[in-house]
Each structure stands twice: as C-alpha cells, then as structure tokens.
Amino acid sequence: MKNEELRQLQAENEQLRAENAELRKQLDYTREQFVRLMSRNLDLSDRIEGNLEFRRRVDVARELIDMNMERMQNADLRDDGQLMAIVETKVEGERLHLDPDFDAAALAKLIGVSRERLEKLFRNKSMYRTPEAYIDNLRLLAAMRLLREKPNYNIASISEDSGFKHVRTMQRKLVDALGLTPAEYRALYTRDL
C-alpha cells in the first residue's frame, strides 16, 4: 500500500510540477503583456500630453490674433489727426527712421493699423504722400545734419547712420531734394571751418 501511495504522490507531484511550469509560462506571458501595455500607455500619455500642449499653443495663438485684430480695428477707428500725432511722436521721438529695416510695414505695425489705413492716412493728412516718402525725408534730414556737424565722417558712414541701406540712395535723395551731391552740400557748410 505504501508503494501505491508513493506512486500516487509522485504522480500528483509530477502533475503539480507540470501545472507549475504552465503557470510560470502564463506568468511570463502576462508580464510581457503588462510591459507592452505599460509602454503603450506611456506612449499614448506622451502623445496626449503633446496634443494638449499643441492645443494650448493654438488657443494662445488664436487669442493673440483676436487681440491684434481687435487692436487694428480699434486703431482704424481713431481719427487721422490722432494717428498722425502718434506717428510723429513714435518715429521722430524714438528715431526709428535711423534703422535701415524700418519701413511702412513696420510703421503700420507700430501704430496698430493696417497698411491700407496707413497709406490712406498719409494721402489725407501728410505733405508726404506715402509713408515711405515720410521715412526717407526723416533719413535725409538726419543725413544733412550729419553732413553739417560731422565734416570728418565719410559719406558711407553718414548714409548708414542716417538709416539708408545704400549710399547711392542717400546721394540720389539729396540730389533730388537740393540739386547737390553730399560733398557739395557739406562744402557749403564747411567752407569757413
């Protein structure tokens, strides 16, 4: 009887070992699945986070666009006199015309109006028929002042310090306005020095 019990216990032991081996395989498979699911979950979380950040940025951009549009619409409602005063105060006061990259588009943005509104403002309220002519005139006045006050400055330096991108542009503007080259203009004011 003991042999019979021993065989039966050995059979049960073999069966338990087989079940244990099967359970270990299932546990390993479950762990692999868990790791895959966690990785996928983290990847999806990153994507969701990225999408939320993108949406937040889009919302901020929309708000900025809406605020800018509202500002431009409100600025277009100002009367021409107010706008011209703002132009003169900002451009001449801050000497923005001395920056060679300052142009009509930058001026429109600065005072918060559309380019079309700026063009209309200059047609109606300025002796300079265009914003470009206004900026060029301020640059020309700056160049003329430097030609008088800095007799040792070369023409290229004066052109650059006056906001002109090219020496030829300054020379042409001066000849068009006064019929004199920069050297001739300087000579008028430095004869007695």
C-alpha atoms as a PDB file:
ATOM      1  CA  MET A   1       0.000   0.000   0.000  1.00  0.00           C
ATOM      2  CA  LYS A   2       2.834   2.359   0.673  1.00  0.00           C
ATOM      3  CA  ASN A   3       4.204   1.867  -2.815  1.00  0.00           C
ATOM      4  CA  GLU A   4       0.818   2.605  -4.198  1.00  0.00           C
ATOM      5  CA  GLU A   5       0.577   5.826  -2.137  1.00  0.00           C
ATOM      6  CA  LEU A   6       4.129   6.748  -3.054  1.00  0.00           C
ATOM      7  CA  ARG A   7       3.381   6.321  -6.789  1.00  0.00           C
ATOM      8  CA  GLN A   8       0.216   8.299  -6.402  1.00  0.00           C
ATOM      9  CA  LEU A   9       2.097  11.105  -4.576  1.00  0.00           C
ATOM     10  CA  GLN A  10       4.804  11.051  -7.246  1.00  0.00           C
ATOM     11  CA  ALA A  11       2.156  11.269  -9.948  1.00  0.00           C
ATOM     12  CA  GLU A  12       0.487  14.154  -8.160  1.00  0.00           C
ATOM     13  CA  ASN A  13       3.912  15.790  -7.691  1.00  0.00           C
ATOM     14  CA  GLU A  14       4.643  15.437 -11.451  1.00  0.00           C
ATOM     15  CA  GLN A  15       1.221  16.836 -12.250  1.00  0.00           C
ATOM     16  CA  LEU A  16       1.807  19.800  -9.881  1.00  0.00           C
ATOM     17  CA  ARG A  17       5.226  20.432 -11.468  1.00  0.00           C
ATOM     18  CA  ALA A  18       3.662  20.410 -14.925  1.00  0.00           C
ATOM     19  CA  GLU A  19       0.914  22.783 -13.721  1.00  0.00           C
ATOM     20  CA  ASN A  20       3.576  24.966 -12.035  1.00  0.00           C
ATOM     21  CA  ALA A  21       5.605  25.098 -15.279  1.00  0.00           C
ATOM     22  CA  GLU A  22       2.445  26.031 -17.204  1.00  0.00           C
ATOM     23  CA  LEU A  23       1.607  28.717 -14.636  1.00  0.00           C
ATOM     24  CA  ARG A  24       5.154  30.128 -14.932  1.00  0.00           C
ATOM     25  CA  LYS A  25       4.762  30.323 -18.729  1.00  0.00           C
ATOM     26  CA  GLN A  26       1.458  32.122 -18.299  1.00  0.00           C
ATOM     27  CA  LEU A  27       3.013  34.439 -15.684  1.00  0.00           C
ATOM     28  CA  ASP A  28       5.919  35.286 -18.051  1.00  0.00           C
ATOM     29  CA  TYR A  29       3.452  35.892 -20.896  1.00  0.00           C
ATOM     30  CA  THR A  30       1.330  38.089 -18.599  1.00  0.00           C
ATOM     31  CA  ARG A  31       4.437  40.077 -17.550  1.00  0.00           C
ATOM     32  CA  GLU A  32       5.403  40.635 -21.204  1.00  0.00           C
ATOM     33  CA  GLN A  33       1.874  41.779 -21.979  1.00  0.00           C
ATOM     34  CA  PHE A  34       1.914  44.069 -18.926  1.00  0.00           C
ATOM     35  CA  VAL A  35       5.236  45.630 -20.013  1.00  0.00           C
ATOM     36  CA  ARG A  36       3.883  46.138 -23.576  1.00  0.00           C
ATOM     37  CA  LEU A  37       0.700  47.697 -22.260  1.00  0.00           C
ATOM     38  CA  MET A  38       2.605  49.994 -19.899  1.00  0.00           C
ATOM     39  CA  SER A  39       4.919  51.087 -22.720  1.00  0.00           C
ATOM     40  CA  ARG A  40       1.950  51.715 -24.980  1.00  0.00           C
ATOM     41  CA  ASN A  41       0.187  53.573 -22.169  1.00  0.00           C
ATOM     42  CA  LEU A  42       3.234  55.800 -21.637  1.00  0.00           C
ATOM     43  CA  ASP A  43       3.487  56.434 -25.383  1.00  0.00           C
ATOM     44  CA  LEU A  44      -0.197  57.339 -25.551  1.00  0.00           C
ATOM     45  CA  SER A  45       0.182  59.574 -22.485  1.00  0.00           C
ATOM     46  CA  ASP A  46       3.069  61.388 -24.186  1.00  0.00           C
ATOM     47  CA  ARG A  47       1.009  61.816 -27.344  1.00  0.00           C
ATOM     48  CA  ILE A  48      -1.976  63.112 -25.382  1.00  0.00           C
ATOM     49  CA  GLU A  49       0.279  65.489 -23.478  1.00  0.00           C
ATOM     50  CA  GLY A  50       1.802  66.682 -26.756  1.00  0.00           C
ATOM     51  CA  ASN A  51      -1.635  67.161 -28.285  1.00  0.00           C
ATOM     52  CA  LEU A  52      -2.800  69.096 -25.219  1.00  0.00           C
ATOM     53  CA  GLU A  53       0.291  71.320 -25.388  1.00  0.00           C
ATOM     54  CA  PHE A  54      -0.285  71.864 -29.115  1.00  0.00           C
ATOM     55  CA  ARG A  55      -3.927  72.750 -28.494  1.00  0.00           C
ATOM     56  CA  ARG A  56      -2.928  75.124 -25.719  1.00  0.00           C
ATOM     57  CA  ARG A  57      -0.469  76.855 -28.059  1.00  0.00           C
ATOM     58  CA  VAL A  58      -3.081  77.076 -30.796  1.00  0.00           C
ATOM     59  CA  ASP A  59      -5.525  78.626 -28.312  1.00  0.00           C
ATOM     60  CA  VAL A  60      -2.919  81.174 -27.201  1.00  0.00           C
ATOM     61  CA  ALA A  61      -2.132  81.991 -30.845  1.00  0.00           C
ATOM     62  CA  ARG A  62      -5.825  82.460 -31.581  1.00  0.00           C
ATOM     63  CA  GLU A  63      -6.192  84.785 -28.615  1.00  0.00           C
ATOM     64  CA  LEU A  64      -3.213  86.837 -29.769  1.00  0.00           C
ATOM     65  CA  ILE A  65      -4.579  87.026 -33.299  1.00  0.00           C
ATOM     66  CA  ASP A  66      -8.000  88.059 -31.992  1.00  0.00           C
ATOM     67  CA  MET A  67      -6.457  90.723 -29.753  1.00  0.00           C
ATOM     68  CA  ASN A  68      -4.323  92.024 -32.615  1.00  0.00           C
ATOM     69  CA  MET A  69      -7.300  92.123 -34.971  1.00  0.00           C
ATOM     70  CA  GLU A  70      -9.355  93.972 -32.365  1.00  0.00           C
ATOM     71  CA  ARG A  71      -6.499  96.402 -31.769  1.00  0.00           C
ATOM     72  CA  MET A  72      -6.187  97.027 -35.501  1.00  0.00           C
ATOM     73  CA  GLN A  73      -9.933  97.544 -35.869  1.00  0.00           C
ATOM     74  CA  ASN A  74      -9.971  99.945 -32.937  1.00  0.00           C
ATOM     75  CA  ALA A  75      -6.938 101.781 -34.282  1.00  0.00           C
ATOM     76  CA  ASP A  76      -8.657 102.145 -37.642  1.00  0.00           C
ATOM     77  CA  LEU A  77     -11.438 103.975 -35.797  1.00  0.00           C
ATOM     78  CA  ARG A  78      -9.099 106.706 -34.495  1.00  0.00           C
ATOM     79  CA  ASP A  79      -9.202 109.969 -36.333  1.00  0.00           C
ATOM     80  CA  ASP A  80      -6.419 110.905 -38.724  1.00  0.00           C
ATOM     81  CA  GLY A  81      -5.077 113.687 -36.517  1.00  0.00           C
ATOM     82  CA  GLN A  82      -4.562 111.347 -33.582  1.00  0.00           C
ATOM     83  CA  LEU A  83      -2.858 108.771 -35.764  1.00  0.00           C
ATOM     84  CA  MET A  84      -0.538 111.320 -37.352  1.00  0.00           C
ATOM     85  CA  ALA A  85       0.422 112.589 -33.898  1.00  0.00           C
ATOM     86  CA  ILE A  86       1.194 109.021 -32.829  1.00  0.00           C
ATOM     87  CA  VAL A  87       3.309 108.505 -35.967  1.00  0.00           C
ATOM     88  CA  GLU A  88       5.323 111.659 -35.417  1.00  0.00           C
ATOM     89  CA  THR A  89       5.770 111.051 -31.682  1.00  0.00           C
ATOM     90  CA  LYS A  90       6.913 107.468 -32.051  1.00  0.00           C
ATOM     91  CA  VAL A  91       9.005 107.697 -35.212  1.00  0.00           C
ATOM     92  CA  GLU A  92      10.664 111.041 -34.638  1.00  0.00           C
ATOM     93  CA  GLY A  93      10.832 110.781 -30.850  1.00  0.00           C
ATOM     94  CA  GLU A  94      12.340 107.311 -30.829  1.00  0.00           C
ATOM     95  CA  ARG A  95      14.333 107.981 -34.031  1.00  0.00           C
ATOM     96  CA  LEU A  96      13.071 104.762 -35.581  1.00  0.00           C
ATOM     97  CA  HIS A  97      13.856 106.023 -39.084  1.00  0.00           C
ATOM     98  CA  LEU A  98      17.564 105.518 -38.343  1.00  0.00           C
ATOM     99  CA  ASP A  99      17.032 101.764 -38.524  1.00  0.00           C
ATOM    100  CA  PRO A 100      17.531 100.757 -42.187  1.00  0.00           C
ATOM    101  CA  ASP A 101      14.930  97.990 -41.799  1.00  0.00           C
ATOM    102  CA  PHE A 102      12.233 100.379 -40.560  1.00  0.00           C
ATOM    103  CA  ASP A 103       9.685 100.679 -43.364  1.00  0.00           C
ATOM    104  CA  ALA A 104       5.982 101.321 -43.947  1.00  0.00           C
ATOM    105  CA  ALA A 105       5.005  97.816 -42.823  1.00  0.00           C
ATOM    106  CA  ALA A 106       6.906  98.289 -39.546  1.00  0.00           C
ATOM    107  CA  LEU A 107       5.256 101.688 -39.081  1.00  0.00           C
ATOM    108  CA  ALA A 108       1.768 100.231 -39.610  1.00  0.00           C
ATOM    109  CA  LYS A 109       2.500  97.509 -37.092  1.00  0.00           C
ATOM    110  CA  LEU A 110       3.942 100.015 -34.632  1.00  0.00           C
ATOM    111  CA  ILE A 111       0.808 102.148 -34.532  1.00  0.00           C
ATOM    112  CA  GLY A 112      -1.543  99.183 -34.852  1.00  0.00           C
ATOM    113  CA  VAL A 113      -3.229  99.890 -38.159  1.00  0.00           C
ATOM    114  CA  SER A 114      -3.451  98.072 -41.441  1.00  0.00           C
ATOM    115  CA  ARG A 115      -1.095  99.015 -44.250  1.00  0.00           C
ATOM    116  CA  GLU A 116      -4.057 100.303 -46.253  1.00  0.00           C
ATOM    117  CA  ARG A 117      -5.123 102.550 -43.362  1.00  0.00           C
ATOM    118  CA  LEU A 118      -1.585 103.918 -43.084  1.00  0.00           C
ATOM    119  CA  GLU A 119      -1.462 104.684 -46.819  1.00  0.00           C
ATOM    120  CA  LYS A 120      -4.814 106.487 -46.564  1.00  0.00           C
ATOM    121  CA  LEU A 121      -3.602 108.456 -43.541  1.00  0.00           C
ATOM    122  CA  PHE A 122      -0.586 109.767 -45.444  1.00  0.00           C
ATOM    123  CA  ARG A 123      -2.648 110.608 -48.521  1.00  0.00           C
ATOM    124  CA  ASN A 124      -5.103 112.625 -46.392  1.00  0.00           C
ATOM    125  CA  LYS A 125      -3.036 114.160 -43.590  1.00  0.00           C
ATOM    126  CA  SER A 126       0.563 114.493 -44.617  1.00  0.00           C
ATOM    127  CA  MET A 127       2.541 116.576 -47.033  1.00  0.00           C
ATOM    128  CA  TYR A 128       4.432 113.344 -47.711  1.00  0.00           C
ATOM    129  CA  ARG A 129       2.117 111.380 -49.953  1.00  0.00           C
ATOM    130  CA  THR A 130       3.370 107.991 -48.745  1.00  0.00           C
ATOM    131  CA  PRO A 131       4.822 106.550 -45.529  1.00  0.00           C
ATOM    132  CA  GLU A 132       7.973 105.704 -47.477  1.00  0.00           C
ATOM    133  CA  ALA A 133       8.424 109.353 -48.502  1.00  0.00           C
ATOM    134  CA  TYR A 134       7.985 110.416 -44.863  1.00  0.00           C
ATOM    135  CA  ILE A 135      10.625 107.939 -43.643  1.00  0.00           C
ATOM    136  CA  ASP A 136      13.001 108.883 -46.479  1.00  0.00           C
ATOM    137  CA  ASN A 137      12.593 112.581 -45.630  1.00  0.00           C
ATOM    138  CA  LEU A 138      13.488 111.947 -41.981  1.00  0.00           C
ATOM    139  CA  ARG A 139      16.544 109.998 -43.107  1.00  0.00           C
ATOM    140  CA  LEU A 140      17.526 112.776 -45.498  1.00  0.00           C
ATOM    141  CA  LEU A 141      17.221 115.396 -42.736  1.00  0.00           C
ATOM    142  CA  ALA A 142      19.396 113.232 -40.473  1.00  0.00           C
ATOM    143  CA  ALA A 143      21.983 112.882 -43.253  1.00  0.00           C
ATOM    144  CA  MET A 144      22.008 116.631 -43.892  1.00  0.00           C
ATOM    145  CA  ARG A 145      22.531 117.312 -40.175  1.00  0.00           C
ATOM    146  CA  LEU A 146      25.418 114.823 -40.044  1.00  0.00           C
ATOM    147  CA  LEU A 147      26.978 116.303 -43.199  1.00  0.00           C
ATOM    148  CA  ARG A 148      26.985 119.714 -41.482  1.00  0.00           C
ATOM    149  CA  GLU A 149      28.004 118.595 -37.994  1.00  0.00           C
ATOM    150  CA  LYS A 150      30.493 115.826 -38.807  1.00  0.00           C
ATOM    151  CA  PRO A 151      32.829 117.112 -41.514  1.00  0.00           C
ATOM    152  CA  ASN A 152      35.281 114.266 -40.946  1.00  0.00           C
ATOM    153  CA  TYR A 153      32.690 111.485 -41.364  1.00  0.00           C
ATOM    154  CA  ASN A 154      32.833 109.756 -44.703  1.00  0.00           C
ATOM    155  CA  ILE A 155      29.699 109.671 -46.843  1.00  0.00           C
ATOM    156  CA  ALA A 156      29.165 105.920 -46.348  1.00  0.00           C
ATOM    157  CA  SER A 157      29.139 106.323 -42.551  1.00  0.00           C
ATOM    158  CA  ILE A 158      26.702 109.207 -42.770  1.00  0.00           C
ATOM    159  CA  SER A 159      24.434 107.202 -45.060  1.00  0.00           C
ATOM    160  CA  GLU A 160      24.473 104.256 -42.649  1.00  0.00           C
ATOM    161  CA  ASP A 161      23.961 106.408 -39.531  1.00  0.00           C
ATOM    162  CA  SER A 162      21.020 108.134 -41.243  1.00  0.00           C
ATOM    163  CA  GLY A 163      19.187 104.857 -41.871  1.00  0.00           C
ATOM    164  CA  PHE A 164      19.806 104.478 -45.588  1.00  0.00           C
ATOM    165  CA  LYS A 165      20.587 100.959 -46.727  1.00  0.00           C
ATOM    166  CA  HIS A 166      22.709 102.173 -49.631  1.00  0.00           C
ATOM    167  CA  VAL A 167      24.951 105.210 -50.138  1.00  0.00           C
ATOM    168  CA  ARG A 168      23.556 105.700 -53.631  1.00  0.00           C
ATOM    169  CA  THR A 169      20.042 106.044 -52.247  1.00  0.00           C
ATOM    170  CA  MET A 170      21.129 108.859 -49.926  1.00  0.00           C
ATOM    171  CA  GLN A 171      23.060 110.569 -52.738  1.00  0.00           C
ATOM    172  CA  ARG A 172      20.074 110.335 -55.096  1.00  0.00           C
ATOM    173  CA  LYS A 173      17.631 111.659 -52.473  1.00  0.00           C
ATOM    174  CA  LEU A 174      19.888 114.617 -51.702  1.00  0.00           C
ATOM    175  CA  VAL A 175      20.355 115.473 -55.390  1.00  0.00           C
ATOM    176  CA  ASP A 176      16.583 115.162 -55.960  1.00  0.00           C
ATOM    177  CA  ALA A 177      15.790 117.422 -52.986  1.00  0.00           C
ATOM    178  CA  LEU A 178      18.517 120.067 -53.275  1.00  0.00           C
ATOM    179  CA  GLY A 179      20.287 119.524 -56.569  1.00  0.00           C
ATOM    180  CA  LEU A 180      23.539 118.961 -54.638  1.00  0.00           C
ATOM    181  CA  THR A 181      25.677 115.916 -54.017  1.00  0.00           C
ATOM    182  CA  PRO A 182      26.571 115.120 -50.384  1.00  0.00           C
ATOM    183  CA  ALA A 183      30.092 116.501 -50.946  1.00  0.00           C
ATOM    184  CA  GLU A 184      28.710 119.739 -52.437  1.00  0.00           C
ATOM    185  CA  TYR A 185      26.207 120.123 -49.585  1.00  0.00           C
ATOM    186  CA  ARG A 186      28.935 119.568 -46.982  1.00  0.00           C
ATOM    187  CA  ALA A 187      31.189 122.075 -48.740  1.00  0.00           C
ATOM    188  CA  LEU A 188      28.523 124.795 -48.373  1.00  0.00           C
ATOM    189  CA  TYR A 189      28.613 124.417 -44.588  1.00  0.00           C
ATOM    190  CA  THR A 190      32.303 123.692 -44.008  1.00  0.00           C
ATOM    191  CA  ARG A 191      33.921 126.447 -46.119  1.00  0.00           C
ATOM    192  CA  ASP A 192      34.534 128.652 -43.144  1.00  0.00           C
ATOM    193  CA  LEU A 193      35.861 125.886 -40.874  1.00  0.00           C
END
